[in-house]
């Protein structure tokens, strides 16, 4: 069986960067939104953040465009420096147990290049057999092409996949393809559902 885990909100906490970005940029949330900083909770292909998530631009280009649009000079990649998610140790135990049972376990995540490098530096992807990130795939969840690309690369059918994500819209999109989708709430609930003991 192929298990596909989301990263933020499942393996690590979802980092809310808006307040910190407002602080370091000396601006407000409305200005961030106006000039392109919508999170993937409201993923819209027209926003700069979505372009980062889809790999159309990298975060350096994001800040260059953001600076030109807003008049706020940004000389460093704040996405990288203020991103400090916390690892969910119980989810990691589930991943290890699934691998020990002979399953292939991969990460399928919407992310931007700066956060990809953060997770890489922290070793968050090291628990997986493979990592599929939207910024390198050129497509973000909930676009069905996200899972189709993964299934093609992994040479599997939907019936052979289990997808775990904390966002219902992503689970619904995966389920529409015939993938067994699990809407993540807690590691304990997931462990119970999968019949895995975590202490």
N, C-alpha and C. Protein backbone atom coordinates (compact mmCIF):
# COMPACT_ATOMS: atom_id res chain seq x y z
N UNK A 1 0.84 -1.19 0.00
CA UNK A 1 0.00 0.00 0.00
C UNK A 1 0.88 1.25 0.00
N UNK A 2 0.44 2.28 -0.71
CA UNK A 2 1.14 3.56 -0.72
C UNK A 2 0.40 4.54 0.19
N UNK A 3 1.09 5.05 1.18
CA UNK A 3 0.53 6.05 2.09
C UNK A 3 1.11 7.41 1.73
N UNK A 4 0.23 8.38 1.51
CA UNK A 4 0.64 9.73 1.14
C UNK A 4 0.26 10.67 2.29
N UNK A 5 1.26 11.21 2.96
CA UNK A 5 1.04 12.11 4.08
C UNK A 5 1.26 13.56 3.67
N UNK A 6 0.35 14.43 4.07
CA UNK A 6 0.58 15.86 4.00
C UNK A 6 1.62 16.21 5.06
N UNK A 7 2.29 17.35 4.91
CA UNK A 7 3.28 17.76 5.91
C UNK A 7 2.66 18.69 6.96
N UNK A 8 2.40 19.95 6.61
CA UNK A 8 1.89 20.92 7.58
C UNK A 8 0.51 20.58 8.09
N UNK A 9 0.38 20.49 9.41
CA UNK A 9 -0.90 20.14 10.03
C UNK A 9 -1.05 18.66 10.28
N UNK A 10 -0.10 17.86 9.77
CA UNK A 10 -0.14 16.41 9.96
C UNK A 10 1.17 15.93 10.58
N UNK A 11 2.27 16.12 9.87
CA UNK A 11 3.59 15.71 10.38
C UNK A 11 4.20 16.83 11.23
N UNK A 12 3.92 18.05 10.84
CA UNK A 12 4.34 19.21 11.64
C UNK A 12 3.12 20.09 11.88
N UNK A 13 3.26 21.02 12.81
CA UNK A 13 2.19 21.99 13.02
C UNK A 13 2.10 22.90 11.80
N UNK A 14 0.92 23.45 11.58
CA UNK A 14 0.76 24.45 10.53
C UNK A 14 1.23 25.77 11.11
N UNK A 15 2.27 26.33 10.50
CA UNK A 15 2.82 27.58 11.02
C UNK A 15 2.03 28.76 10.48
N UNK A 16 1.50 29.58 11.38
CA UNK A 16 0.79 30.79 10.97
C UNK A 16 1.79 31.92 10.94
N UNK A 17 2.14 32.35 9.73
CA UNK A 17 3.21 33.33 9.57
C UNK A 17 2.71 34.76 9.47
N UNK A 18 1.42 34.95 9.26
CA UNK A 18 0.92 36.29 8.95
C UNK A 18 1.28 37.33 10.01
N UNK A 19 1.07 37.00 11.28
CA UNK A 19 1.35 37.98 12.34
C UNK A 19 2.82 38.36 12.38
N UNK A 20 3.69 37.35 12.25
CA UNK A 20 5.13 37.61 12.28
C UNK A 20 5.56 38.41 11.06
N UNK A 21 5.00 38.08 9.89
CA UNK A 21 5.34 38.82 8.67
C UNK A 21 4.87 40.27 8.78
N UNK A 22 3.69 40.48 9.33
CA UNK A 22 3.20 41.85 9.54
C UNK A 22 4.17 42.62 10.44
N UNK A 23 4.67 41.94 11.46
CA UNK A 23 5.59 42.57 12.40
C UNK A 23 6.90 42.96 11.73
N UNK A 24 7.54 42.01 11.02
CA UNK A 24 8.85 42.30 10.43
C UNK A 24 8.76 43.25 9.24
N UNK A 25 7.61 43.27 8.56
CA UNK A 25 7.43 44.16 7.42
C UNK A 25 6.78 45.48 7.81
N UNK A 26 6.42 45.59 9.10
CA UNK A 26 5.77 46.80 9.62
C UNK A 26 4.53 47.17 8.79
N UNK A 27 3.66 46.18 8.62
CA UNK A 27 2.44 46.40 7.84
C UNK A 27 1.29 45.62 8.47
N UNK A 28 0.15 45.60 7.79
CA UNK A 28 -1.01 44.87 8.33
C UNK A 28 -1.41 43.73 7.39
N UNK A 29 -2.31 42.89 7.90
CA UNK A 29 -2.72 41.70 7.16
C UNK A 29 -3.40 42.04 5.83
N UNK A 30 -4.18 43.11 5.82
CA UNK A 30 -4.87 43.52 4.59
C UNK A 30 -3.87 43.88 3.49
N UNK A 31 -2.78 44.54 3.87
CA UNK A 31 -1.75 44.90 2.89
C UNK A 31 -1.09 43.64 2.34
N UNK A 32 -0.81 42.68 3.23
CA UNK A 32 -0.23 41.42 2.77
C UNK A 32 -1.14 40.75 1.75
N UNK A 33 -2.44 40.69 2.06
CA UNK A 33 -3.40 40.07 1.15
C UNK A 33 -3.49 40.84 -0.17
N UNK A 34 -3.54 42.16 -0.06
CA UNK A 34 -3.70 43.00 -1.25
C UNK A 34 -2.57 42.78 -2.25
N UNK A 35 -1.37 42.56 -1.75
CA UNK A 35 -0.22 42.42 -2.64
C UNK A 35 0.22 40.98 -2.86
N UNK A 36 -0.67 40.02 -2.56
CA UNK A 36 -0.41 38.66 -3.00
C UNK A 36 -0.20 37.59 -1.98
N UNK A 37 -0.25 37.92 -0.70
CA UNK A 37 0.07 36.92 0.31
C UNK A 37 -1.17 36.25 0.88
N UNK A 38 -1.86 35.46 0.06
CA UNK A 38 -2.94 34.62 0.56
C UNK A 38 -2.36 33.24 0.81
N UNK A 39 -2.78 32.60 1.88
CA UNK A 39 -2.28 31.25 2.16
C UNK A 39 -3.04 30.23 1.34
N UNK A 40 -2.60 28.98 1.38
CA UNK A 40 -3.26 27.95 0.59
C UNK A 40 -4.63 27.57 1.15
N UNK A 41 -5.03 28.17 2.27
CA UNK A 41 -6.40 27.94 2.76
C UNK A 41 -7.40 28.56 1.79
N UNK A 42 -6.94 29.59 1.06
CA UNK A 42 -7.79 30.23 0.06
C UNK A 42 -7.04 30.22 -1.27
N UNK A 43 -6.52 29.05 -1.62
CA UNK A 43 -5.66 28.94 -2.79
C UNK A 43 -6.36 29.44 -4.04
N UNK A 44 -5.75 30.40 -4.67
CA UNK A 44 -6.29 31.02 -5.87
C UNK A 44 -5.11 31.23 -6.80
N UNK A 45 -5.21 30.73 -8.01
CA UNK A 45 -4.07 30.76 -8.93
C UNK A 45 -3.58 32.17 -9.24
N UNK A 46 -4.40 33.17 -8.96
CA UNK A 46 -4.01 34.54 -9.30
C UNK A 46 -3.11 35.19 -8.26
N UNK A 47 -2.95 34.58 -7.09
CA UNK A 47 -2.14 35.22 -6.06
C UNK A 47 -0.67 34.84 -6.19
N UNK A 48 0.18 35.73 -5.72
CA UNK A 48 1.62 35.46 -5.76
C UNK A 48 1.96 34.22 -4.95
N UNK A 49 1.30 34.06 -3.79
CA UNK A 49 1.60 32.90 -2.95
C UNK A 49 1.27 31.61 -3.68
N UNK A 50 0.15 31.59 -4.39
CA UNK A 50 -0.22 30.40 -5.16
C UNK A 50 0.79 30.12 -6.26
N UNK A 51 1.31 31.19 -6.86
CA UNK A 51 2.34 31.02 -7.89
C UNK A 51 3.59 30.38 -7.28
N UNK A 52 3.90 30.74 -6.04
CA UNK A 52 5.02 30.10 -5.33
C UNK A 52 4.72 28.64 -5.07
N UNK A 53 3.51 28.36 -4.60
CA UNK A 53 3.11 26.99 -4.29
C UNK A 53 3.16 26.10 -5.52
N UNK A 54 2.83 26.67 -6.68
CA UNK A 54 2.85 25.90 -7.93
C UNK A 54 4.22 25.91 -8.60
N UNK A 55 5.19 26.59 -8.00
CA UNK A 55 6.54 26.61 -8.57
C UNK A 55 6.69 27.52 -9.77
N UNK A 56 5.72 28.39 -10.02
CA UNK A 56 5.82 29.31 -11.15
C UNK A 56 6.85 30.40 -10.87
N UNK A 57 6.97 30.78 -9.61
CA UNK A 57 8.02 31.69 -9.16
C UNK A 57 8.58 31.12 -7.85
N UNK A 58 9.81 31.51 -7.51
CA UNK A 58 10.33 31.08 -6.20
C UNK A 58 10.12 32.21 -5.20
N UNK A 59 10.49 31.98 -3.96
CA UNK A 59 10.18 32.98 -2.94
C UNK A 59 11.00 34.26 -3.11
N UNK A 60 12.19 34.15 -3.68
CA UNK A 60 12.99 35.36 -3.96
C UNK A 60 12.23 36.25 -4.94
N UNK A 61 11.68 35.63 -5.99
CA UNK A 61 10.89 36.39 -6.96
C UNK A 61 9.62 36.95 -6.32
N UNK A 62 9.01 36.16 -5.42
CA UNK A 62 7.82 36.64 -4.72
C UNK A 62 8.11 37.96 -4.04
N UNK A 63 9.21 38.01 -3.27
CA UNK A 63 9.49 39.23 -2.50
C UNK A 63 9.87 40.39 -3.41
N UNK A 64 10.51 40.11 -4.54
CA UNK A 64 10.83 41.19 -5.49
C UNK A 64 9.54 41.81 -6.03
N UNK A 65 8.59 40.95 -6.43
CA UNK A 65 7.32 41.44 -6.96
C UNK A 65 6.51 42.13 -5.86
N UNK A 66 6.48 41.52 -4.68
CA UNK A 66 5.76 42.09 -3.54
C UNK A 66 6.30 43.49 -3.23
N UNK A 67 7.62 43.65 -3.24
CA UNK A 67 8.24 44.95 -2.94
C UNK A 67 7.84 46.00 -3.97
N UNK A 68 7.85 45.60 -5.25
CA UNK A 68 7.47 46.55 -6.31
C UNK A 68 6.01 46.95 -6.18
N UNK A 69 5.15 45.99 -5.90
CA UNK A 69 3.70 46.27 -5.81
C UNK A 69 3.36 47.11 -4.58
N UNK A 70 3.98 46.80 -3.46
CA UNK A 70 3.58 47.40 -2.19
C UNK A 70 4.40 48.63 -1.80
N UNK A 71 5.61 48.75 -2.36
CA UNK A 71 6.50 49.83 -1.94
C UNK A 71 7.22 49.52 -0.65
N UNK A 72 7.02 48.30 -0.12
CA UNK A 72 7.70 47.87 1.11
C UNK A 72 8.99 47.15 0.71
N UNK A 73 10.16 47.71 1.04
CA UNK A 73 11.41 47.05 0.65
C UNK A 73 11.65 45.77 1.45
N UNK A 74 11.82 44.66 0.74
CA UNK A 74 12.09 43.37 1.40
C UNK A 74 13.39 42.83 0.81
N UNK A 75 14.43 42.74 1.64
CA UNK A 75 15.75 42.36 1.14
C UNK A 75 16.16 40.94 1.51
N UNK A 76 15.30 40.23 2.23
CA UNK A 76 15.62 38.86 2.62
C UNK A 76 14.37 38.00 2.49
N UNK A 77 14.53 36.70 2.50
CA UNK A 77 13.38 35.81 2.36
C UNK A 77 12.77 35.53 3.72
N UNK A 78 11.84 36.37 4.13
CA UNK A 78 11.21 36.22 5.43
C UNK A 78 10.43 34.92 5.56
N UNK A 79 9.97 34.36 4.44
CA UNK A 79 9.29 33.06 4.51
C UNK A 79 10.21 32.02 5.14
N UNK A 80 11.49 32.11 4.83
CA UNK A 80 12.46 31.14 5.36
C UNK A 80 12.74 31.39 6.84
N UNK A 81 12.97 32.64 7.20
CA UNK A 81 13.46 32.95 8.54
C UNK A 81 12.40 32.88 9.63
N UNK A 82 11.14 33.09 9.30
CA UNK A 82 10.11 33.09 10.36
C UNK A 82 9.31 31.78 10.42
N UNK A 83 9.73 30.79 9.65
CA UNK A 83 9.01 29.52 9.57
C UNK A 83 9.61 28.51 10.55
N UNK A 84 8.88 28.20 11.63
CA UNK A 84 9.38 27.29 12.66
C UNK A 84 8.29 26.31 13.10
N UNK A 85 7.90 25.38 12.22
CA UNK A 85 6.88 24.40 12.61
C UNK A 85 7.43 23.43 13.65
N UNK A 86 6.52 22.78 14.36
CA UNK A 86 6.90 21.81 15.40
C UNK A 86 6.55 20.41 14.92
N UNK A 87 7.48 19.49 15.06
CA UNK A 87 7.28 18.11 14.62
C UNK A 87 6.26 17.40 15.51
N UNK A 88 5.34 16.67 14.89
CA UNK A 88 4.37 15.85 15.62
C UNK A 88 4.98 14.45 15.76
N UNK A 89 5.58 14.20 16.92
CA UNK A 89 6.32 12.95 17.15
C UNK A 89 5.44 11.72 17.00
N UNK A 90 4.17 11.83 17.39
CA UNK A 90 3.27 10.67 17.27
C UNK A 90 3.00 10.33 15.81
N UNK A 91 2.86 11.35 14.97
CA UNK A 91 2.67 11.08 13.54
C UNK A 91 3.90 10.40 12.97
N UNK A 92 5.08 10.84 13.40
CA UNK A 92 6.33 10.22 12.94
C UNK A 92 6.35 8.74 13.33
N UNK A 93 5.88 8.41 14.52
CA UNK A 93 5.82 7.00 14.95
C UNK A 93 4.89 6.19 14.05
N UNK A 94 3.79 6.80 13.63
CA UNK A 94 2.86 6.12 12.72
C UNK A 94 3.55 5.85 11.39
N UNK A 95 4.26 6.85 10.87
CA UNK A 95 4.98 6.69 9.60
C UNK A 95 5.99 5.55 9.70
N UNK A 96 6.75 5.54 10.78
CA UNK A 96 7.76 4.48 10.98
C UNK A 96 7.11 3.11 11.07
N UNK A 97 5.98 3.01 11.77
CA UNK A 97 5.27 1.73 11.91
C UNK A 97 4.75 1.25 10.56
N UNK A 98 4.24 2.16 9.75
CA UNK A 98 3.74 1.79 8.42
C UNK A 98 4.87 1.28 7.54
N UNK A 99 6.02 1.94 7.61
CA UNK A 99 7.18 1.50 6.82
C UNK A 99 7.69 0.14 7.30
N UNK A 100 7.73 -0.04 8.61
CA UNK A 100 8.20 -1.32 9.16
C UNK A 100 7.28 -2.46 8.75
N UNK A 101 6.02 -2.14 8.50
CA UNK A 101 5.05 -3.16 8.06
C UNK A 101 5.14 -3.43 6.56
N UNK A 102 6.10 -2.78 5.90
CA UNK A 102 6.33 -3.05 4.48
C UNK A 102 5.62 -2.12 3.51
N UNK A 103 5.03 -1.05 4.01
CA UNK A 103 4.35 -0.09 3.14
C UNK A 103 5.33 0.96 2.64
N UNK A 104 5.02 1.53 1.49
CA UNK A 104 5.77 2.68 1.00
C UNK A 104 5.05 3.92 1.52
N UNK A 105 5.80 4.82 2.14
CA UNK A 105 5.21 6.02 2.74
C UNK A 105 5.90 7.25 2.17
N UNK A 106 5.10 8.13 1.57
CA UNK A 106 5.65 9.32 0.93
C UNK A 106 4.97 10.57 1.48
N UNK A 107 5.58 11.71 1.21
CA UNK A 107 5.01 12.99 1.58
C UNK A 107 4.48 13.65 0.31
N UNK A 108 3.23 14.13 0.36
CA UNK A 108 2.63 14.88 -0.74
C UNK A 108 2.11 16.18 -0.18
N UNK A 109 2.81 17.29 -0.45
CA UNK A 109 2.52 18.53 0.26
C UNK A 109 2.51 19.76 -0.63
N UNK A 110 1.63 20.69 -0.32
CA UNK A 110 1.68 22.02 -0.92
C UNK A 110 2.72 22.81 -0.13
N UNK A 111 3.72 23.33 -0.82
CA UNK A 111 4.71 24.14 -0.12
C UNK A 111 5.38 25.09 -1.09
N UNK A 112 6.10 26.04 -0.53
CA UNK A 112 6.87 26.98 -1.33
C UNK A 112 8.35 26.63 -1.15
N UNK A 113 9.19 27.13 -2.03
CA UNK A 113 10.60 26.73 -2.03
C UNK A 113 11.29 27.02 -0.69
N UNK A 114 11.01 28.16 -0.08
CA UNK A 114 11.65 28.49 1.20
C UNK A 114 11.28 27.49 2.28
N UNK A 115 10.01 27.10 2.33
CA UNK A 115 9.58 26.14 3.35
C UNK A 115 10.07 24.74 3.04
N UNK A 116 10.20 24.41 1.76
CA UNK A 116 10.80 23.13 1.39
C UNK A 116 12.20 23.04 1.99
N UNK A 117 12.97 24.10 1.82
CA UNK A 117 14.35 24.09 2.34
C UNK A 117 14.37 24.08 3.87
N UNK A 118 13.41 24.75 4.51
CA UNK A 118 13.30 24.67 5.97
C UNK A 118 13.10 23.23 6.42
N UNK A 119 12.11 22.56 5.81
CA UNK A 119 11.82 21.17 6.18
C UNK A 119 13.02 20.26 5.91
N UNK A 120 13.72 20.53 4.81
CA UNK A 120 14.91 19.75 4.46
C UNK A 120 15.98 19.92 5.52
N UNK A 121 16.25 21.16 5.92
CA UNK A 121 17.25 21.45 6.95
C UNK A 121 16.90 20.76 8.27
N UNK A 122 15.62 20.72 8.60
CA UNK A 122 15.17 20.14 9.86
C UNK A 122 15.11 18.62 9.83
N UNK A 123 15.17 18.04 8.63
CA UNK A 123 15.09 16.58 8.50
C UNK A 123 13.67 16.04 8.46
N UNK A 124 12.69 16.92 8.26
CA UNK A 124 11.29 16.48 8.27
C UNK A 124 10.94 15.52 7.14
N UNK A 125 11.64 15.61 6.02
CA UNK A 125 11.35 14.72 4.88
C UNK A 125 12.07 13.39 5.00
N UNK A 126 13.00 13.29 5.94
CA UNK A 126 13.82 12.07 6.06
C UNK A 126 13.02 10.85 6.50
N UNK A 127 11.83 11.06 7.02
CA UNK A 127 10.99 9.94 7.46
C UNK A 127 10.30 9.24 6.29
N UNK A 128 10.34 9.85 5.12
CA UNK A 128 9.60 9.35 3.96
C UNK A 128 10.50 8.65 2.95
N UNK A 129 9.88 7.77 2.16
CA UNK A 129 10.59 7.11 1.06
C UNK A 129 10.79 8.07 -0.11
N UNK A 130 9.91 9.04 -0.24
CA UNK A 130 9.97 10.02 -1.34
C UNK A 130 9.16 11.23 -0.91
N UNK A 131 9.52 12.40 -1.44
CA UNK A 131 8.77 13.62 -1.15
C UNK A 131 8.31 14.26 -2.44
N UNK A 132 7.02 14.58 -2.50
CA UNK A 132 6.43 15.27 -3.64
C UNK A 132 5.93 16.63 -3.16
N UNK A 133 6.55 17.70 -3.65
CA UNK A 133 6.18 19.04 -3.23
C UNK A 133 5.60 19.83 -4.40
N UNK A 134 4.53 20.55 -4.12
CA UNK A 134 3.83 21.30 -5.17
C UNK A 134 4.75 22.25 -5.91
N UNK A 135 5.68 22.88 -5.20
CA UNK A 135 6.53 23.89 -5.85
C UNK A 135 7.47 23.28 -6.88
N UNK A 136 7.73 21.98 -6.80
CA UNK A 136 8.55 21.30 -7.80
C UNK A 136 7.71 20.48 -8.77
N UNK A 137 6.49 20.16 -8.37
CA UNK A 137 5.58 19.41 -9.24
C UNK A 137 4.86 20.32 -10.24
N UNK A 138 4.73 21.60 -9.88
CA UNK A 138 4.02 22.53 -10.75
C UNK A 138 2.52 22.51 -10.59
N UNK A 139 2.04 21.90 -9.52
CA UNK A 139 0.60 21.81 -9.27
C UNK A 139 0.37 21.63 -7.77
N UNK A 140 -0.71 22.23 -7.27
CA UNK A 140 -1.04 22.17 -5.84
C UNK A 140 -2.36 21.47 -5.60
N UNK A 141 -2.48 20.84 -4.44
CA UNK A 141 -3.77 20.32 -3.99
C UNK A 141 -4.72 21.50 -3.84
N UNK A 142 -5.99 21.39 -4.14
CA UNK A 142 -6.75 20.17 -4.45
C UNK A 142 -6.87 19.83 -5.94
N UNK A 143 -6.00 20.36 -6.79
CA UNK A 143 -6.05 20.01 -8.21
C UNK A 143 -5.82 18.51 -8.36
N UNK A 144 -6.71 17.78 -9.05
CA UNK A 144 -6.56 16.33 -9.21
C UNK A 144 -5.22 15.92 -9.84
N UNK A 145 -4.63 16.82 -10.62
CA UNK A 145 -3.35 16.51 -11.26
C UNK A 145 -2.25 16.26 -10.24
N UNK A 146 -2.41 16.81 -9.05
CA UNK A 146 -1.43 16.59 -7.98
C UNK A 146 -1.29 15.10 -7.69
N UNK A 147 -2.43 14.43 -7.47
CA UNK A 147 -2.41 12.99 -7.15
C UNK A 147 -2.12 12.15 -8.39
N UNK A 148 -2.59 12.59 -9.54
CA UNK A 148 -2.34 11.83 -10.78
C UNK A 148 -0.85 11.77 -11.07
N UNK A 149 -0.15 12.89 -10.84
CA UNK A 149 1.30 12.91 -11.04
C UNK A 149 1.98 11.93 -10.09
N UNK A 150 1.57 11.96 -8.83
CA UNK A 150 2.17 11.05 -7.84
C UNK A 150 1.90 9.60 -8.21
N UNK A 151 0.67 9.28 -8.58
CA UNK A 151 0.33 7.89 -8.91
C UNK A 151 1.08 7.42 -10.15
N UNK A 152 1.28 8.31 -11.11
CA UNK A 152 2.06 7.95 -12.30
C UNK A 152 3.51 7.68 -11.91
N UNK A 153 4.09 8.57 -11.11
CA UNK A 153 5.48 8.41 -10.67
C UNK A 153 5.67 7.15 -9.83
N UNK A 154 4.67 6.84 -9.01
CA UNK A 154 4.75 5.69 -8.11
C UNK A 154 4.25 4.40 -8.75
N UNK A 155 3.66 4.52 -9.95
CA UNK A 155 3.13 3.37 -10.68
C UNK A 155 2.09 2.60 -9.85
N UNK A 156 1.11 3.35 -9.32
CA UNK A 156 0.04 2.75 -8.52
C UNK A 156 -1.32 3.24 -9.01
N UNK A 157 -2.35 2.50 -8.63
CA UNK A 157 -3.73 2.87 -8.92
C UNK A 157 -4.34 3.52 -7.67
N UNK A 158 -5.42 4.29 -7.84
CA UNK A 158 -6.05 4.93 -6.68
C UNK A 158 -6.40 3.96 -5.55
N UNK A 159 -6.86 2.77 -5.90
CA UNK A 159 -7.26 1.78 -4.88
C UNK A 159 -6.09 1.33 -4.01
N UNK A 160 -4.87 1.59 -4.48
CA UNK A 160 -3.67 1.18 -3.74
C UNK A 160 -3.08 2.32 -2.90
N UNK A 161 -3.84 3.43 -2.79
CA UNK A 161 -3.33 4.62 -2.09
C UNK A 161 -4.19 5.01 -0.90
N UNK A 162 -3.52 5.47 0.15
CA UNK A 162 -4.19 6.09 1.30
C UNK A 162 -3.59 7.48 1.43
N UNK A 163 -4.46 8.48 1.45
CA UNK A 163 -4.01 9.88 1.53
C UNK A 163 -4.47 10.48 2.86
N UNK A 164 -3.56 11.14 3.56
CA UNK A 164 -3.84 11.71 4.88
C UNK A 164 -3.53 13.20 4.86
N UNK A 165 -4.55 14.02 5.15
CA UNK A 165 -4.40 15.48 5.07
C UNK A 165 -5.30 16.12 6.11
N UNK A 166 -4.91 17.29 6.60
CA UNK A 166 -5.74 17.98 7.59
C UNK A 166 -6.78 18.89 6.95
N UNK A 167 -6.75 19.05 5.64
CA UNK A 167 -7.73 19.90 4.96
C UNK A 167 -8.77 19.03 4.24
N UNK A 168 -10.03 19.23 4.59
CA UNK A 168 -11.11 18.41 4.05
C UNK A 168 -11.21 18.54 2.53
N UNK A 169 -11.01 19.75 2.00
CA UNK A 169 -11.13 19.94 0.55
C UNK A 169 -10.11 19.08 -0.20
N UNK A 170 -8.93 18.88 0.38
CA UNK A 170 -7.92 18.03 -0.25
C UNK A 170 -8.32 16.56 -0.16
N UNK A 171 -8.87 16.18 0.98
CA UNK A 171 -9.34 14.79 1.14
C UNK A 171 -10.48 14.49 0.17
N UNK A 172 -11.39 15.44 0.02
CA UNK A 172 -12.52 15.25 -0.90
C UNK A 172 -12.03 15.11 -2.34
N UNK A 173 -11.04 15.91 -2.72
CA UNK A 173 -10.51 15.85 -4.09
C UNK A 173 -9.81 14.52 -4.34
N UNK A 174 -9.07 14.03 -3.36
CA UNK A 174 -8.39 12.73 -3.51
C UNK A 174 -9.41 11.61 -3.58
N UNK A 175 -10.42 11.67 -2.72
CA UNK A 175 -11.47 10.64 -2.69
C UNK A 175 -12.23 10.57 -4.01
N UNK A 176 -12.40 11.72 -4.66
CA UNK A 176 -13.10 11.76 -5.94
C UNK A 176 -12.35 10.99 -7.02
N UNK A 177 -11.06 10.77 -6.81
CA UNK A 177 -10.24 9.99 -7.75
C UNK A 177 -10.24 8.50 -7.41
N UNK A 178 -10.87 8.14 -6.29
CA UNK A 178 -10.89 6.74 -5.86
C UNK A 178 -9.82 6.40 -4.84
N UNK A 179 -9.12 7.42 -4.35
CA UNK A 179 -8.10 7.24 -3.32
C UNK A 179 -8.79 7.19 -1.96
N UNK A 180 -8.33 6.30 -1.07
CA UNK A 180 -8.87 6.26 0.29
C UNK A 180 -8.29 7.45 1.04
N UNK A 181 -9.13 8.43 1.36
CA UNK A 181 -8.67 9.66 2.00
C UNK A 181 -9.08 9.69 3.47
N UNK A 182 -8.14 10.10 4.31
CA UNK A 182 -8.39 10.23 5.74
C UNK A 182 -8.18 11.68 6.14
N UNK A 183 -9.25 12.29 6.67
CA UNK A 183 -9.16 13.67 7.15
C UNK A 183 -8.51 13.66 8.53
N UNK A 184 -7.28 14.15 8.62
CA UNK A 184 -6.49 14.10 9.85
C UNK A 184 -7.02 15.08 10.89
N UNK A 185 -7.18 14.58 12.13
CA UNK A 185 -7.52 15.46 13.25
C UNK A 185 -6.41 15.42 14.29
N UNK A 186 -6.08 14.20 14.75
CA UNK A 186 -4.98 14.01 15.70
C UNK A 186 -4.23 12.74 15.34
N UNK A 187 -3.00 12.65 15.81
CA UNK A 187 -2.21 11.44 15.57
C UNK A 187 -2.83 10.24 16.28
N UNK A 188 -3.37 10.47 17.46
CA UNK A 188 -4.01 9.37 18.20
C UNK A 188 -5.19 8.80 17.44
N UNK A 189 -6.02 9.68 16.87
CA UNK A 189 -7.18 9.23 16.10
C UNK A 189 -6.73 8.48 14.85
N UNK A 190 -5.67 8.97 14.20
CA UNK A 190 -5.15 8.30 13.01
C UNK A 190 -4.60 6.92 13.36
N UNK A 191 -3.84 6.85 14.44
CA UNK A 191 -3.26 5.58 14.88
C UNK A 191 -4.35 4.56 15.15
N UNK A 192 -5.40 4.99 15.82
CA UNK A 192 -6.52 4.08 16.13
C UNK A 192 -7.18 3.60 14.85
N UNK A 193 -7.39 4.50 13.90
CA UNK A 193 -8.01 4.16 12.63
C UNK A 193 -7.17 3.15 11.85
N UNK A 194 -5.85 3.30 11.92
CA UNK A 194 -4.94 2.42 11.18
C UNK A 194 -4.54 1.18 11.98
N UNK A 195 -4.97 1.09 13.23
CA UNK A 195 -4.63 -0.06 14.07
C UNK A 195 -3.18 -0.07 14.49
N UNK A 196 -2.63 1.12 14.73
CA UNK A 196 -1.23 1.25 15.13
C UNK A 196 -1.18 1.77 16.57
N UNK A 197 -0.30 1.18 17.38
CA UNK A 197 -0.14 1.61 18.77
C UNK A 197 0.98 2.64 18.85
N UNK A 198 0.66 3.83 19.36
CA UNK A 198 1.69 4.84 19.61
C UNK A 198 1.58 5.25 21.07
N UNK A 199 2.75 5.35 21.74
CA UNK A 199 2.70 5.76 23.15
C UNK A 199 3.34 7.10 23.35
